[in-house]
Amino acid sequence: MDYIENQQCFISHWNRTIKNFTQEYLKIFASCVTYNSERDINWDYPNIPNEEELSVIYVYEEKLIKKVKNDLARRKVTYFFERLDYYKPDSLKYRKKKFYYY
């Protein structure tokens, strides 16, 4: 696995899933852009390229799920991820725009 850093994500929708009654995760669909500390982010009207595809972000760990879910329930539509993991393109589990946060 590899990772990308400093992603500012603008969430379109999300859902909570329990898999096999043991593994729980939060599935987020969002448009993400790389955060640049030298530029200000326009939070009201974010500059997202038109060709940007939706990313799917899986959030694991009970504490993280609860924190992110509470933020989303309060209608928070932007989220900053310091690090998102993904499978490398040569992996059989690789999927384009699919990330993991734990």
PDB file of N, CA and C in Angstrom:
ATOM      1  N   MET A   1       0.839  -1.182   0.000  1.00  0.00           N
ATOM      2  CA  MET A   1       0.000   0.000   0.000  1.00  0.00           C
ATOM      3  C   MET A   1       0.878   1.238   0.000  1.00  0.00           C
ATOM      4  N   ASP A   2       0.319   2.297  -0.494  1.00  0.00           N
ATOM      5  CA  ASP A   2       0.979   3.593  -0.503  1.00  0.00           C
ATOM      6  C   ASP A   2      -0.032   4.605   0.036  1.00  0.00           C
ATOM      7  N   TYR A   3       0.349   5.870   0.086  1.00  0.00           N
ATOM      8  CA  TYR A   3      -0.585   6.863   0.614  1.00  0.00           C
ATOM      9  C   TYR A   3      -0.394   8.207  -0.066  1.00  0.00           C
ATOM     10  N   ILE A   4      -1.439   9.017   0.006  1.00  0.00           N
ATOM     11  CA  ILE A   4      -1.373  10.406  -0.428  1.00  0.00           C
ATOM     12  C   ILE A   4      -1.634  11.255   0.803  1.00  0.00           C
ATOM     13  N   GLU A   5      -1.125  12.459   0.792  1.00  0.00           N
ATOM     14  CA  GLU A   5      -1.229  13.325   1.961  1.00  0.00           C
ATOM     15  C   GLU A   5      -2.038  14.573   1.646  1.00  0.00           C
ATOM     16  N   ASN A   6      -2.539  15.186   2.718  1.00  0.00           N
ATOM     17  CA  ASN A   6      -3.175  16.505   2.680  1.00  0.00           C
ATOM     18  C   ASN A   6      -4.291  16.614   1.642  1.00  0.00           C
ATOM     19  N   GLN A   7      -5.304  15.808   1.823  1.00  0.00           N
ATOM     20  CA  GLN A   7      -6.447  15.832   0.912  1.00  0.00           C
ATOM     21  C   GLN A   7      -7.613  16.581   1.545  1.00  0.00           C
ATOM     22  N   GLN A   8      -8.099  17.581   0.840  1.00  0.00           N
ATOM     23  CA  GLN A   8      -9.288  18.325   1.260  1.00  0.00           C
ATOM     24  C   GLN A   8     -10.451  17.732   0.474  1.00  0.00           C
ATOM     25  N   CYS A   9     -11.398  17.125   1.174  1.00  0.00           N
ATOM     26  CA  CYS A   9     -12.478  16.412   0.502  1.00  0.00           C
ATOM     27  C   CYS A   9     -13.821  17.084   0.752  1.00  0.00           C
ATOM     28  N   PHE A  10     -14.604  17.180  -0.296  1.00  0.00           N
ATOM     29  CA  PHE A  10     -15.925  17.784  -0.254  1.00  0.00           C
ATOM     30  C   PHE A  10     -16.937  16.654  -0.465  1.00  0.00           C
ATOM     31  N   ILE A  11     -17.644  16.328   0.583  1.00  0.00           N
ATOM     32  CA  ILE A  11     -18.432  15.105   0.655  1.00  0.00           C
ATOM     33  C   ILE A  11     -19.786  15.281  -0.026  1.00  0.00           C
ATOM     34  N   SER A  12     -20.127  14.315  -0.883  1.00  0.00           N
ATOM     35  CA  SER A  12     -21.434  14.349  -1.529  1.00  0.00           C
ATOM     36  C   SER A  12     -22.428  13.475  -0.763  1.00  0.00           C
ATOM     37  N   HIS A  13     -22.031  12.276  -0.370  1.00  0.00           N
ATOM     38  CA  HIS A  13     -22.885  11.433   0.468  1.00  0.00           C
ATOM     39  C   HIS A  13     -22.048  10.354   1.148  1.00  0.00           C
ATOM     40  N   TRP A  14     -22.662   9.672   2.120  1.00  0.00           N
ATOM     41  CA  TRP A  14     -21.954   8.663   2.905  1.00  0.00           C
ATOM     42  C   TRP A  14     -22.958   7.657   3.451  1.00  0.00           C
ATOM     43  N   ASN A  15     -22.442   6.486   3.839  1.00  0.00           N
ATOM     44  CA  ASN A  15     -23.272   5.505   4.524  1.00  0.00           C
ATOM     45  C   ASN A  15     -22.412   4.620   5.423  1.00  0.00           C
ATOM     46  N   ARG A  16     -23.055   4.035   6.410  1.00  0.00           N
ATOM     47  CA  ARG A  16     -22.371   3.172   7.363  1.00  0.00           C
ATOM     48  C   ARG A  16     -22.703   1.734   7.004  1.00  0.00           C
ATOM     49  N   THR A  17     -21.693   0.887   7.030  1.00  0.00           N
ATOM     50  CA  THR A  17     -21.892  -0.499   6.650  1.00  0.00           C
ATOM     51  C   THR A  17     -21.296  -1.418   7.705  1.00  0.00           C
ATOM     52  N   ILE A  18     -21.999  -2.481   8.007  1.00  0.00           N
ATOM     53  CA  ILE A  18     -21.465  -3.520   8.880  1.00  0.00           C
ATOM     54  C   ILE A  18     -21.344  -4.774   8.032  1.00  0.00           C
ATOM     55  N   LYS A  19     -20.145  -5.305   7.984  1.00  0.00           N
ATOM     56  CA  LYS A  19     -19.864  -6.452   7.138  1.00  0.00           C
ATOM     57  C   LYS A  19     -19.696  -7.687   8.023  1.00  0.00           C
ATOM     58  N   ASN A  20     -20.451  -8.708   7.779  1.00  0.00           N
ATOM     59  CA  ASN A  20     -20.361  -9.970   8.517  1.00  0.00           C
ATOM     60  C   ASN A  20     -20.549  -9.803  10.019  1.00  0.00           C
ATOM     61  N   PHE A  21     -21.252  -8.796  10.449  1.00  0.00           N
ATOM     62  CA  PHE A  21     -21.535  -8.518  11.854  1.00  0.00           C
ATOM     63  C   PHE A  21     -20.282  -8.287  12.693  1.00  0.00           C
ATOM     64  N   THR A  22     -19.125  -8.189  12.084  1.00  0.00           N
ATOM     65  CA  THR A  22     -17.890  -7.991  12.852  1.00  0.00           C
ATOM     66  C   THR A  22     -17.124  -6.760  12.415  1.00  0.00           C
ATOM     67  N   GLN A  23     -17.072  -6.511  11.144  1.00  0.00           N
ATOM     68  CA  GLN A  23     -16.266  -5.406  10.629  1.00  0.00           C
ATOM     69  C   GLN A  23     -17.177  -4.247  10.225  1.00  0.00           C
ATOM     70  N   GLU A  24     -16.937  -3.108  10.834  1.00  0.00           N
ATOM     71  CA  GLU A  24     -17.749  -1.930  10.547  1.00  0.00           C
ATOM     72  C   GLU A  24     -16.881  -0.897   9.837  1.00  0.00           C
ATOM     73  N   TYR A  25     -17.470  -0.217   8.875  1.00  0.00           N
ATOM     74  CA  TYR A  25     -16.758   0.874   8.217  1.00  0.00           C
ATOM     75  C   TYR A  25     -17.748   1.916   7.740  1.00  0.00           C
ATOM     76  N   LEU A  26     -17.218   3.087   7.479  1.00  0.00           N
ATOM     77  CA  LEU A  26     -17.997   4.203   6.968  1.00  0.00           C
ATOM     78  C   LEU A  26     -17.539   4.440   5.533  1.00  0.00           C
ATOM     79  N   LYS A  27     -18.468   4.510   4.616  1.00  0.00           N
ATOM     80  CA  LYS A  27     -18.144   4.689   3.199  1.00  0.00           C
ATOM     81  C   LYS A  27     -18.531   6.107   2.803  1.00  0.00           C
ATOM     82  N   ILE A  28     -17.539   6.882   2.360  1.00  0.00           N
ATOM     83  CA  ILE A  28     -17.747   8.287   2.011  1.00  0.00           C
ATOM     84  C   ILE A  28     -17.482   8.480   0.519  1.00  0.00           C
ATOM     85  N   PHE A  29     -18.355   9.204  -0.140  1.00  0.00           N
ATOM     86  CA  PHE A  29     -18.157   9.581  -1.539  1.00  0.00           C
ATOM     87  C   PHE A  29     -17.848  11.073  -1.557  1.00  0.00           C
ATOM     88  N   ALA A  30     -16.701  11.435  -2.126  1.00  0.00           N
ATOM     89  CA  ALA A  30     -16.275  12.832  -2.056  1.00  0.00           C
ATOM     90  C   ALA A  30     -15.386  13.195  -3.240  1.00  0.00           C
ATOM     91  N   SER A  31     -15.353  14.485  -3.534  1.00  0.00           N
ATOM     92  CA  SER A  31     -14.384  15.035  -4.487  1.00  0.00           C
ATOM     93  C   SER A  31     -13.228  15.571  -3.659  1.00  0.00           C
ATOM     94  N   CYS A  32     -12.035  15.113  -3.961  1.00  0.00           N
ATOM     95  CA  CYS A  32     -10.875  15.493  -3.154  1.00  0.00           C
ATOM     96  C   CYS A  32      -9.846  16.249  -3.987  1.00  0.00           C
ATOM     97  N   VAL A  33      -9.245  17.242  -3.360  1.00  0.00           N
ATOM     98  CA  VAL A  33      -8.160  18.003  -3.971  1.00  0.00           C
ATOM     99  C   VAL A  33      -7.008  18.053  -2.981  1.00  0.00           C
ATOM    100  N   THR A  34      -5.809  18.156  -3.495  1.00  0.00           N
ATOM    101  CA  THR A  34      -4.639  18.237  -2.628  1.00  0.00           C
ATOM    102  C   THR A  34      -4.553  19.620  -2.016  1.00  0.00           C
ATOM    103  N   TYR A  35      -4.432  19.661  -0.709  1.00  0.00           N
ATOM    104  CA  TYR A  35      -4.354  20.920   0.027  1.00  0.00           C
ATOM    105  C   TYR A  35      -2.959  21.505  -0.125  1.00  0.00           C
ATOM    106  N   ASN A  36      -2.900  22.777  -0.455  1.00  0.00           N
ATOM    107  CA  ASN A  36      -1.639  23.495  -0.585  1.00  0.00           C
ATOM    108  C   ASN A  36      -1.619  24.575   0.486  1.00  0.00           C
ATOM    109  N   SER A  37      -0.690  24.494   1.426  1.00  0.00           N
ATOM    110  CA  SER A  37      -0.650  25.441   2.550  1.00  0.00           C
ATOM    111  C   SER A  37      -0.316  26.863   2.108  1.00  0.00           C
ATOM    112  N   GLU A  38       0.203  27.020   0.908  1.00  0.00           N
ATOM    113  CA  GLU A  38       0.555  28.354   0.412  1.00  0.00           C
ATOM    114  C   GLU A  38      -0.650  29.074  -0.193  1.00  0.00           C
ATOM    115  N   ARG A  39      -1.733  28.343  -0.430  1.00  0.00           N
ATOM    116  CA  ARG A  39      -2.948  28.922  -1.001  1.00  0.00           C
ATOM    117  C   ARG A  39      -4.074  28.866   0.013  1.00  0.00           C
ATOM    118  N   ASP A  40      -4.908  29.870   0.006  1.00  0.00           N
ATOM    119  CA  ASP A  40      -6.092  29.851   0.857  1.00  0.00           C
ATOM    120  C   ASP A  40      -7.170  29.002   0.195  1.00  0.00           C
ATOM    121  N   ILE A  41      -7.914  28.299   1.015  1.00  0.00           N
ATOM    122  CA  ILE A  41      -9.032  27.510   0.509  1.00  0.00           C
ATOM    123  C   ILE A  41     -10.298  28.345   0.617  1.00  0.00           C
ATOM    124  N   ASN A  42     -11.032  28.413  -0.465  1.00  0.00           N
ATOM    125  CA  ASN A  42     -12.323  29.079  -0.448  1.00  0.00           C
ATOM    126  C   ASN A  42     -13.355  28.041   0.008  1.00  0.00           C
ATOM    127  N   TRP A  43     -13.699  28.080   1.285  1.00  0.00           N
ATOM    128  CA  TRP A  43     -14.577  27.065   1.865  1.00  0.00           C
ATOM    129  C   TRP A  43     -16.000  27.158   1.327  1.00  0.00           C
ATOM    130  N   ASP A  44     -16.446  28.357   0.985  1.00  0.00           N
ATOM    131  CA  ASP A  44     -17.815  28.521   0.499  1.00  0.00           C
ATOM    132  C   ASP A  44     -17.979  28.062  -0.946  1.00  0.00           C
ATOM    133  N   TYR A  45     -16.982  28.340  -1.761  1.00  0.00           N
ATOM    134  CA  TYR A  45     -17.013  27.959  -3.171  1.00  0.00           C
ATOM    135  C   TYR A  45     -15.686  27.310  -3.535  1.00  0.00           C
ATOM    136  N   PRO A  46     -15.506  26.042  -3.185  1.00  0.00           N
ATOM    137  CA  PRO A  46     -14.219  25.381  -3.431  1.00  0.00           C
ATOM    138  C   PRO A  46     -13.922  25.250  -4.921  1.00  0.00           C
ATOM    139  N   ASN A  47     -12.665  25.342  -5.243  1.00  0.00           N
ATOM    140  CA  ASN A  47     -12.221  25.248  -6.628  1.00  0.00           C
ATOM    141  C   ASN A  47     -11.905  23.785  -6.947  1.00  0.00           C
ATOM    142  N   ILE A  48     -12.917  23.063  -7.391  1.00  0.00           N
ATOM    143  CA  ILE A  48     -12.754  21.658  -7.742  1.00  0.00           C
ATOM    144  C   ILE A  48     -12.851  21.552  -9.258  1.00  0.00           C
ATOM    145  N   PRO A  49     -11.856  20.950  -9.902  1.00  0.00           N
ATOM    146  CA  PRO A  49     -11.906  20.815 -11.360  1.00  0.00           C
ATOM    147  C   PRO A  49     -13.147  20.036 -11.805  1.00  0.00           C
ATOM    148  N   ASN A  50     -13.710  20.425 -12.939  1.00  0.00           N
ATOM    149  CA  ASN A  50     -14.923  19.771 -13.452  1.00  0.00           C
ATOM    150  C   ASN A  50     -14.712  18.299 -13.751  1.00  0.00           C
ATOM    151  N   GLU A  51     -13.508  17.931 -14.152  1.00  0.00           N
ATOM    152  CA  GLU A  51     -13.248  16.545 -14.521  1.00  0.00           C
ATOM    153  C   GLU A  51     -12.911  15.665 -13.314  1.00  0.00           C
ATOM    154  N   GLU A  52     -12.937  16.234 -12.121  1.00  0.00           N
ATOM    155  CA  GLU A  52     -12.621  15.473 -10.907  1.00  0.00           C
ATOM    156  C   GLU A  52     -13.678  14.399 -10.653  1.00  0.00           C
ATOM    157  N   GLU A  53     -13.219  13.162 -10.518  1.00  0.00           N
ATOM    158  CA  GLU A  53     -14.122  12.051 -10.242  1.00  0.00           C
ATOM    159  C   GLU A  53     -14.362  11.932  -8.743  1.00  0.00           C
ATOM    160  N   LEU A  54     -15.463  11.310  -8.394  1.00  0.00           N
ATOM    161  CA  LEU A  54     -15.732  11.056  -6.985  1.00  0.00           C
ATOM    162  C   LEU A  54     -14.784   9.980  -6.472  1.00  0.00           C
ATOM    163  N   SER A  55     -14.242  10.221  -5.309  1.00  0.00           N
ATOM    164  CA  SER A  55     -13.419   9.227  -4.635  1.00  0.00           C
ATOM    165  C   SER A  55     -14.286   8.495  -3.627  1.00  0.00           C
ATOM    166  N   VAL A  56     -13.929   7.249  -3.367  1.00  0.00           N
ATOM    167  CA  VAL A  56     -14.598   6.473  -2.330  1.00  0.00           C
ATOM    168  C   VAL A  56     -13.590   6.291  -1.209  1.00  0.00           C
ATOM    169  N   ILE A  57     -13.967   6.721  -0.003  1.00  0.00           N
ATOM    170  CA  ILE A  57     -13.074   6.649   1.147  1.00  0.00           C
ATOM    171  C   ILE A  57     -13.719   5.747   2.188  1.00  0.00           C
ATOM    172  N   TYR A  58     -12.991   4.715   2.592  1.00  0.00           N
ATOM    173  CA  TYR A  58     -13.463   3.801   3.628  1.00  0.00           C
ATOM    174  C   TYR A  58     -12.798   4.183   4.940  1.00  0.00           C
ATOM    175  N   VAL A  59     -13.603   4.470   5.956  1.00  0.00           N
ATOM    176  CA  VAL A  59     -13.091   4.843   7.275  1.00  0.00           C
ATOM    177  C   VAL A  59     -13.245   3.634   8.188  1.00  0.00           C
ATOM    178  N   TYR A  60     -12.130   3.204   8.793  1.00  0.00           N
ATOM    179  CA  TYR A  60     -12.135   2.073   9.713  1.00  0.00           C
ATOM    180  C   TYR A  60     -11.779   2.554  11.117  1.00  0.00           C
ATOM    181  N   GLU A  61     -11.901   1.707  12.088  1.00  0.00           N
ATOM    182  CA  GLU A  61     -11.670   1.947  13.518  1.00  0.00           C
ATOM    183  C   GLU A  61     -12.885   2.624  14.124  1.00  0.00           C
ATOM    184  N   GLU A  62     -13.358   2.056  15.193  1.00  0.00           N
ATOM    185  CA  GLU A  62     -14.606   2.506  15.814  1.00  0.00           C
ATOM    186  C   GLU A  62     -14.574   3.974  16.224  1.00  0.00           C
ATOM    187  N   LYS A  63     -13.468   4.424  16.822  1.00  0.00           N
ATOM    188  CA  LYS A  63     -13.378   5.822  17.272  1.00  0.00           C
ATOM    189  C   LYS A  63     -13.411   6.788  16.094  1.00  0.00           C
ATOM    190  N   LEU A  64     -12.691   6.454  15.028  1.00  0.00           N
ATOM    191  CA  LEU A  64     -12.687   7.317  13.840  1.00  0.00           C
ATOM    192  C   LEU A  64     -14.063   7.352  13.186  1.00  0.00           C
ATOM    193  N   ILE A  65     -14.697   6.200  13.105  1.00  0.00           N
ATOM    194  CA  ILE A  65     -16.029   6.140  12.505  1.00  0.00           C
ATOM    195  C   ILE A  65     -16.986   7.036  13.277  1.00  0.00           C
ATOM    196  N   LYS A  66     -16.950   6.928  14.595  1.00  0.00           N
ATOM    197  CA  LYS A  66     -17.852   7.717  15.436  1.00  0.00           C
ATOM    198  C   LYS A  66     -17.585   9.211  15.267  1.00  0.00           C
ATOM    199  N   LYS A  67     -16.305   9.606  15.249  1.00  0.00           N
ATOM    200  CA  LYS A  67     -15.937  11.023  15.111  1.00  0.00           C
ATOM    201  C   LYS A  67     -16.384  11.578  13.760  1.00  0.00           C
ATOM    202  N   VAL A  68     -16.034  10.874  12.694  1.00  0.00           N
ATOM    203  CA  VAL A  68     -16.380  11.334  11.346  1.00  0.00           C
ATOM    204  C   VAL A  68     -17.899  11.339  11.165  1.00  0.00           C
ATOM    205  N   LYS A  69     -18.569  10.294  11.647  1.00  0.00           N
ATOM    206  CA  LYS A  69     -20.025  10.207  11.514  1.00  0.00           C
ATOM    207  C   LYS A  69     -20.727  11.348  12.253  1.00  0.00           C
ATOM    208  N   ASN A  70     -20.241  11.683  13.440  1.00  0.00           N
ATOM    209  CA  ASN A  70     -20.822  12.805  14.186  1.00  0.00           C
ATOM    210  C   ASN A  70     -20.638  14.120  13.438  1.00  0.00           C
ATOM    211  N   ASP A  71     -19.444  14.319  12.858  1.00  0.00           N
ATOM    212  CA  ASP A  71     -19.203  15.527  12.067  1.00  0.00           C
ATOM    213  C   ASP A  71     -20.139  15.589  10.864  1.00  0.00           C
ATOM    214  N   LEU A  72     -20.298  14.465  10.185  1.00  0.00           N
ATOM    215  CA  LEU A  72     -21.160  14.429   9.008  1.00  0.00           C
ATOM    216  C   LEU A  72     -22.629  14.610   9.386  1.00  0.00           C
ATOM    217  N   ALA A  73     -23.026  14.090  10.535  1.00  0.00           N
ATOM    218  CA  ALA A  73     -24.408  14.246  10.990  1.00  0.00           C
ATOM    219  C   ALA A  73     -24.730  15.706  11.300  1.00  0.00           C
ATOM    220  N   ARG A  74     -23.706  16.491  11.647  1.00  0.00           N
ATOM    221  CA  ARG A  74     -23.906  17.924  11.897  1.00  0.00           C
ATOM    222  C   ARG A  74     -23.812  18.726  10.604  1.00  0.00           C
ATOM    223  N   ARG A  75     -23.923  18.033   9.482  1.00  0.00           N
ATOM    224  CA  ARG A  75     -23.935  18.654   8.156  1.00  0.00           C
ATOM    225  C   ARG A  75     -22.582  19.224   7.733  1.00  0.00           C
ATOM    226  N   LYS A  76     -21.513  18.686   8.275  1.00  0.00           N
ATOM    227  CA  LYS A  76     -20.180  19.099   7.831  1.00  0.00           C
ATOM    228  C   LYS A  76     -19.957  18.475   6.454  1.00  0.00           C
ATOM    229  N   VAL A  77     -19.639  19.285   5.455  1.00  0.00           N
ATOM    230  CA  VAL A  77     -19.506  18.772   4.090  1.00  0.00           C
ATOM    231  C   VAL A  77     -18.064  18.765   3.594  1.00  0.00           C
ATOM    232  N   THR A  78     -17.165  19.318   4.379  1.00  0.00           N
ATOM    233  CA  THR A  78     -15.752  19.278   3.994  1.00  0.00           C
ATOM    234  C   THR A  78     -14.974  18.541   5.069  1.00  0.00           C
ATOM    235  N   TYR A  79     -13.980  17.808   4.635  1.00  0.00           N
ATOM    236  CA  TYR A  79     -13.161  17.068   5.587  1.00  0.00           C
ATOM    237  C   TYR A  79     -11.721  17.079   5.101  1.00  0.00           C
ATOM    238  N   PHE A  80     -10.809  17.227   6.037  1.00  0.00           N
ATOM    239  CA  PHE A  80      -9.385  17.229   5.710  1.00  0.00           C
ATOM    240  C   PHE A  80      -8.775  15.917   6.184  1.00  0.00           C
ATOM    241  N   PHE A  81      -8.148  15.200   5.277  1.00  0.00           N
ATOM    242  CA  PHE A  81      -7.469  13.952   5.614  1.00  0.00           C
ATOM    243  C   PHE A  81      -5.967  14.169   5.462  1.00  0.00           C
ATOM    244  N   GLU A  82      -5.229  13.996   6.552  1.00  0.00           N
ATOM    245  CA  GLU A  82      -3.775  14.151   6.486  1.00  0.00           C
ATOM    246  C   GLU A  82      -3.147  13.039   5.666  1.00  0.00           C
ATOM    247  N   ARG A  83      -3.756  11.854   5.732  1.00  0.00           N
ATOM    248  CA  ARG A  83      -3.187  10.713   5.023  1.00  0.00           C
ATOM    249  C   ARG A  83      -4.303   9.759   4.611  1.00  0.00           C
ATOM    250  N   LEU A  84      -4.317   9.406   3.342  1.00  0.00           N
ATOM    251  CA  LEU A  84      -5.244   8.408   2.822  1.00  0.00           C
ATOM    252  C   LEU A  84      -4.430   7.302   2.166  1.00  0.00           C
ATOM    253  N   ASP A  85      -4.663   6.080   2.581  1.00  0.00           N
ATOM    254  CA  ASP A  85      -3.938   4.944   2.011  1.00  0.00           C
ATOM    255  C   ASP A  85      -4.682   4.404   0.794  1.00  0.00           C
ATOM    256  N   TYR A  86      -3.926   3.785  -0.108  1.00  0.00           N
ATOM    257  CA  TYR A  86      -4.527   3.149  -1.280  1.00  0.00           C
ATOM    258  C   TYR A  86      -3.624   2.025  -1.751  1.00  0.00           C
ATOM    259  N   TYR A  87      -4.206   1.098  -2.499  1.00  0.00           N
ATOM    260  CA  TYR A  87      -3.416   0.021  -3.077  1.00  0.00           C
ATOM    261  C   TYR A  87      -2.702   0.537  -4.314  1.00  0.00           C
ATOM    262  N   LYS A  88      -1.488   0.074  -4.510  1.00  0.00           N
ATOM    263  CA  LYS A  88      -0.711   0.473  -5.688  1.00  0.00           C
ATOM    264  C   LYS A  88      -1.335  -0.138  -6.947  1.00  0.00           C
ATOM    265  N   PRO A  89      -1.135   0.503  -8.097  1.00  0.00           N
ATOM    266  CA  PRO A  89      -1.754   0.012  -9.341  1.00  0.00           C
ATOM    267  C   PRO A  89      -1.382  -1.422  -9.720  1.00  0.00           C
ATOM    268  N   ASP A  90      -0.250  -1.916  -9.262  1.00  0.00           N
ATOM    269  CA  ASP A  90       0.132  -3.285  -9.614  1.00  0.00           C
ATOM    270  C   ASP A  90      -0.501  -4.338  -8.693  1.00  0.00           C
ATOM    271  N   SER A  91      -1.259  -3.906  -7.702  1.00  0.00           N
ATOM    272  CA  SER A  91      -1.928  -4.829  -6.780  1.00  0.00           C
ATOM    273  C   SER A  91      -3.253  -5.306  -7.374  1.00  0.00           C
ATOM    274  N   LEU A  92      -3.642  -6.527  -7.045  1.00  0.00           N
ATOM    275  CA  LEU A  92      -4.932  -7.048  -7.499  1.00  0.00           C
ATOM    276  C   LEU A  92      -6.100  -6.324  -6.837  1.00  0.00           C
ATOM    277  N   LYS A  93      -5.877  -5.729  -5.665  1.00  0.00           N
ATOM    278  CA  LYS A  93      -6.932  -5.018  -4.942  1.00  0.00           C
ATOM    279  C   LYS A  93      -7.039  -3.550  -5.344  1.00  0.00           C
ATOM    280  N   TYR A  94      -6.215  -3.109  -6.278  1.00  0.00           N
ATOM    281  CA  TYR A  94      -6.227  -1.707  -6.704  1.00  0.00           C
ATOM    282  C   TYR A  94      -7.542  -1.348  -7.379  1.00  0.00           C
ATOM    283  N   ARG A  95      -8.099  -0.220  -6.965  1.00  0.00           N
ATOM    284  CA  ARG A  95      -9.256   0.381  -7.626  1.00  0.00           C
ATOM    285  C   ARG A  95      -8.995   1.876  -7.704  1.00  0.00           C
ATOM    286  N   LYS A  96      -9.257   2.438  -8.863  1.00  0.00           N
ATOM    287  CA  LYS A  96      -9.028   3.863  -9.065  1.00  0.00           C
ATOM    288  C   LYS A  96      -9.913   4.675  -8.122  1.00  0.00           C
ATOM    289  N   LYS A  97      -9.336   5.688  -7.485  1.00  0.00           N
ATOM    290  CA  LYS A  97     -10.048   6.619  -6.594  1.00  0.00           C
ATOM    291  C   LYS A  97     -10.677   5.925  -5.384  1.00  0.00           C
ATOM    292  N   LYS A  98     -10.048   4.869  -4.888  1.00  0.00           N
ATOM    293  CA  LYS A  98     -10.527   4.157  -3.706  1.00  0.00           C
ATOM    294  C   LYS A  98      -9.458   4.280  -2.623  1.00  0.00           C
ATOM    295  N   PHE A  99      -9.832   4.882  -1.488  1.00  0.00           N
ATOM    296  CA  PHE A  99      -8.871   5.171  -0.429  1.00  0.00           C
ATOM    297  C   PHE A  99      -9.351   4.622   0.905  1.00  0.00           C
ATOM    298  N   TYR A 100      -8.407   4.502   1.839  1.00  0.00           N
ATOM    299  CA  TYR A 100      -8.695   3.961   3.167  1.00  0.00           C
ATOM    300  C   TYR A 100      -8.138   4.906   4.221  1.00  0.00           C
ATOM    301  N   TYR A 101      -8.940   5.142   5.256  1.00  0.00           N
ATOM    302  CA  TYR A 101      -8.541   6.023   6.348  1.00  0.00           C
ATOM    303  C   TYR A 101      -8.718   5.271   7.657  1.00  0.00           C
ATOM    304  N   TYR A 102      -7.597   5.093   8.391  1.00  0.00           N
ATOM    305  CA  TYR A 102      -7.657   4.423   9.696  1.00  0.00           C
ATOM    306  C   TYR A 102      -6.525   4.884  10.565  1.00  0.00           C
TER     307      TYR A 102
END
